[in-house]
N, C-alpha and C. Protein backbone atom coordinates (compact mmCIF):
# COMPACT_ATOMS: atom_id res chain seq x y z
N MET A 1 44.73 94.33 -20.90
CA MET A 1 45.40 93.30 -22.21
C MET A 1 44.12 93.77 -23.15
N GLN A 2 44.61 93.82 -24.12
CA GLN A 2 43.51 93.66 -25.51
C GLN A 2 43.47 92.43 -26.13
N PHE A 3 42.70 91.47 -26.73
CA PHE A 3 42.55 90.49 -27.37
C PHE A 3 41.68 90.41 -28.52
N ILE A 4 42.00 89.59 -29.43
CA ILE A 4 40.89 89.41 -30.44
C ILE A 4 40.45 87.66 -30.32
N GLU A 5 39.40 87.21 -29.93
CA GLU A 5 38.87 86.04 -29.82
C GLU A 5 38.40 85.46 -31.17
N MET A 6 38.72 84.00 -31.46
CA MET A 6 38.38 83.40 -32.53
C MET A 6 38.37 81.69 -32.55
N SER A 7 37.93 81.32 -33.21
CA SER A 7 37.84 79.65 -33.49
C SER A 7 39.28 79.08 -33.41
N GLY A 8 39.60 77.68 -33.58
CA GLY A 8 40.70 77.37 -33.74
C GLY A 8 40.74 77.47 -35.29
N LYS A 9 39.81 77.27 -35.95
CA LYS A 9 39.91 77.05 -37.51
C LYS A 9 40.05 78.31 -38.09
N VAL A 10 39.89 79.38 -37.74
CA VAL A 10 40.16 80.92 -38.11
C VAL A 10 41.71 80.99 -37.62
N LEU A 11 42.04 80.57 -36.63
CA LEU A 11 43.28 80.62 -36.14
C LEU A 11 44.43 79.97 -37.02
N LEU A 12 43.85 78.79 -37.53
CA LEU A 12 44.83 77.85 -38.54
C LEU A 12 44.84 78.84 -39.80
N GLU A 13 43.83 79.96 -40.45
CA GLU A 13 43.85 80.51 -41.38
C GLU A 13 44.78 81.66 -41.19
N VAL A 14 45.03 81.99 -40.10
CA VAL A 14 46.14 83.02 -39.61
C VAL A 14 47.40 82.96 -39.49
N VAL A 15 47.57 81.88 -39.03
CA VAL A 15 49.01 81.57 -38.93
C VAL A 15 49.70 81.49 -40.58
N THR A 16 51.03 81.75 -40.29
CA THR A 16 52.01 81.55 -41.34
C THR A 16 52.85 81.00 -41.19
N GLU A 17 54.34 80.63 -41.64
CA GLU A 17 55.38 80.05 -41.61
C GLU A 17 56.14 80.73 -40.68
N HIS A 18 55.97 81.90 -40.16
CA HIS A 18 56.49 82.37 -38.78
C HIS A 18 55.86 82.16 -37.55
N GLY A 19 54.95 81.16 -37.71
CA GLY A 19 54.26 80.92 -36.27
C GLY A 19 53.92 79.41 -36.05
N PRO A 20 53.27 79.10 -35.19
CA PRO A 20 53.35 77.78 -34.89
C PRO A 20 52.50 76.98 -36.05
N SER A 21 52.88 75.92 -36.44
CA SER A 21 52.44 74.79 -37.68
C SER A 21 51.09 74.21 -36.78
N PRO A 22 50.12 73.94 -38.11
CA PRO A 22 48.99 73.09 -37.69
C PRO A 22 49.28 71.88 -36.87
N ASP A 23 50.35 71.36 -37.24
CA ASP A 23 50.51 70.24 -36.23
C ASP A 23 50.85 70.56 -34.64
N GLU A 24 51.75 71.46 -34.61
CA GLU A 24 52.04 71.95 -33.31
C GLU A 24 51.03 72.44 -32.55
N LEU A 25 50.07 73.16 -33.20
CA LEU A 25 48.77 73.68 -32.54
C LEU A 25 47.80 72.39 -32.20
N ALA A 26 47.69 71.30 -33.20
CA ALA A 26 46.97 70.16 -32.93
C ALA A 26 47.56 69.64 -31.55
N THR A 27 48.81 69.36 -31.65
CA THR A 27 49.52 68.56 -30.17
C THR A 27 49.13 69.40 -28.77
N VAL A 28 48.90 70.50 -28.81
CA VAL A 28 48.58 71.25 -27.69
C VAL A 28 47.00 71.45 -27.54
N GLY A 29 46.30 70.97 -28.53
CA GLY A 29 44.84 70.85 -28.14
C GLY A 29 44.10 71.49 -28.95
N VAL A 30 44.45 72.48 -30.10
CA VAL A 30 43.50 73.19 -30.78
C VAL A 30 42.80 72.46 -31.88
N THR A 31 41.51 72.41 -31.93
CA THR A 31 40.67 71.83 -33.18
C THR A 31 39.86 72.90 -33.56
N ASP A 32 39.55 72.68 -34.80
CA ASP A 32 38.51 73.57 -35.47
C ASP A 32 37.36 74.69 -34.50
N ASP A 33 36.99 73.71 -33.64
CA ASP A 33 35.98 74.19 -32.62
C ASP A 33 36.87 74.75 -31.14
N SER A 34 37.96 75.02 -31.19
CA SER A 34 38.46 75.42 -30.04
C SER A 34 38.32 76.86 -30.10
N ILE A 35 38.05 77.79 -28.45
CA ILE A 35 38.08 79.22 -28.56
C ILE A 35 39.76 79.37 -28.28
N VAL A 36 40.26 80.41 -29.10
CA VAL A 36 41.36 80.87 -28.83
C VAL A 36 41.50 82.34 -29.10
N ARG A 37 42.50 83.03 -28.20
CA ARG A 37 42.50 84.68 -28.37
C ARG A 37 43.86 84.64 -28.51
N VAL A 38 44.11 85.68 -29.27
CA VAL A 38 45.47 86.63 -29.74
C VAL A 38 45.40 87.90 -28.97
N ASN A 39 46.66 88.36 -28.41
CA ASN A 39 46.73 89.59 -27.89
C ASN A 39 47.75 90.50 -28.77
N ARG A 40 47.77 91.58 -28.80
CA ARG A 40 48.62 92.45 -29.32
C ARG A 40 49.89 92.33 -29.64
N GLN A 41 50.67 91.76 -28.60
CA GLN A 41 51.82 91.20 -28.62
C GLN A 41 52.06 90.04 -29.75
N GLY A 42 51.09 89.20 -30.05
CA GLY A 42 50.87 88.18 -30.80
C GLY A 42 50.69 86.66 -30.04
N ASP A 43 50.73 86.86 -28.77
CA ASP A 43 50.46 85.53 -27.80
C ASP A 43 49.24 84.97 -28.11
N ILE A 44 49.31 83.64 -28.44
CA ILE A 44 48.19 82.92 -28.52
C ILE A 44 47.67 81.87 -27.06
N GLU A 45 46.34 82.17 -26.81
CA GLU A 45 45.73 81.44 -25.53
C GLU A 45 44.68 80.58 -26.30
N LEU A 46 44.79 79.42 -25.52
CA LEU A 46 43.94 78.43 -25.77
C LEU A 46 42.66 78.23 -24.41
N ARG A 47 41.53 78.33 -24.93
CA ARG A 47 40.60 78.40 -23.79
C ARG A 47 40.26 76.92 -23.16
N ARG A 48 40.58 76.48 -21.76
CA ARG A 48 40.62 75.48 -21.38
C ARG A 48 39.19 75.09 -20.47
N ALA A 49 38.65 74.40 -20.03
CA ALA A 49 37.72 74.33 -19.11
C ALA A 49 37.68 75.33 -18.01
N ASP A 50 38.71 75.46 -17.34
CA ASP A 50 38.76 76.28 -16.33
C ASP A 50 39.94 77.61 -16.41
N ARG A 51 40.29 77.71 -17.45
CA ARG A 51 41.70 78.60 -17.54
C ARG A 51 42.08 78.75 -18.95
N TRP A 52 42.89 80.19 -19.02
CA TRP A 52 43.32 80.43 -20.48
C TRP A 52 44.83 79.83 -20.28
N ASP A 53 45.36 78.92 -21.42
CA ASP A 53 46.62 78.32 -21.45
C ASP A 53 47.31 79.15 -22.46
N LEU A 54 48.70 79.62 -22.30
CA LEU A 54 49.54 80.27 -23.24
C LEU A 54 50.33 79.07 -23.98
N ILE A 55 49.76 79.07 -25.56
CA ILE A 55 50.13 78.03 -26.33
C ILE A 55 51.23 78.37 -27.57
N GLY A 56 51.78 79.42 -27.58
CA GLY A 56 52.45 79.96 -28.60
C GLY A 56 52.47 81.63 -28.91
N GLY A 57 53.07 81.62 -30.19
CA GLY A 57 52.72 83.02 -30.57
C GLY A 57 53.03 83.38 -31.99
N LEU A 58 52.39 84.40 -32.59
CA LEU A 58 52.59 84.82 -33.89
C LEU A 58 53.46 85.64 -34.22
N LEU A 59 53.92 85.48 -35.27
CA LEU A 59 55.31 86.50 -35.79
C LEU A 59 55.04 87.31 -36.73
N GLY A 60 55.79 88.14 -36.94
CA GLY A 60 55.49 88.91 -38.42
C GLY A 60 54.47 90.17 -38.13
N ASP A 61 53.79 90.26 -39.37
CA ASP A 61 52.86 91.20 -39.57
C ASP A 61 51.51 90.57 -39.51
N PHE A 62 51.34 90.05 -38.00
CA PHE A 62 49.93 89.16 -38.03
C PHE A 62 48.83 90.09 -37.36
N GLU A 63 48.74 91.40 -37.09
CA GLU A 63 47.51 91.96 -36.80
C GLU A 63 46.78 92.32 -38.15
N PRO A 64 47.22 92.59 -39.60
CA PRO A 64 46.10 92.59 -40.53
C PRO A 64 45.37 91.42 -41.00
N ARG A 65 46.27 90.05 -40.56
CA ARG A 65 45.56 89.10 -40.90
C ARG A 65 44.60 88.68 -39.90
N VAL A 66 44.80 88.75 -38.75
CA VAL A 66 44.12 88.57 -37.41
C VAL A 66 42.65 89.35 -37.85
N LYS A 67 42.63 90.51 -38.04
CA LYS A 67 41.63 91.52 -38.24
C LYS A 67 40.93 91.28 -39.57
N ARG A 68 41.46 90.93 -40.68
CA ARG A 68 40.99 90.39 -41.83
C ARG A 68 39.95 89.17 -41.66
N GLU A 69 40.63 87.97 -40.97
CA GLU A 69 40.00 86.78 -40.93
C GLU A 69 39.06 86.74 -39.79
N THR A 70 38.88 87.81 -39.02
CA THR A 70 38.04 87.47 -37.96
C THR A 70 36.81 88.81 -38.08
N GLY A 71 37.42 89.86 -38.60
CA GLY A 71 36.26 91.12 -38.90
C GLY A 71 36.19 91.83 -37.52
N LEU A 72 37.37 91.65 -36.90
CA LEU A 72 37.16 92.31 -35.34
C LEU A 72 38.44 92.98 -35.11
N ASP A 73 38.39 94.12 -33.86
CA ASP A 73 39.39 94.86 -33.42
C ASP A 73 39.56 94.40 -31.93
N TRP A 74 40.61 94.65 -31.65
CA TRP A 74 41.25 94.53 -30.22
C TRP A 74 40.29 95.09 -29.26
N VAL A 75 39.67 94.15 -28.33
CA VAL A 75 38.91 94.57 -27.38
C VAL A 75 39.65 94.02 -25.97
């Protein structure tokens, strides 16, 4: 599976009305300093101390936003 990894702060810049709200992300533990990753299907995972947790998903045309905001490609 391929992912793009980013901070919680960048994730908040990527989400739109078609994805989880900032309040929903905060409720599951996303902060500006969190490490999150998004796969090509739009699934968002949050890095915990001992695992990755699936916390939501991005919808719509998220790929260009993720690439633009992070400057990264899928790895």
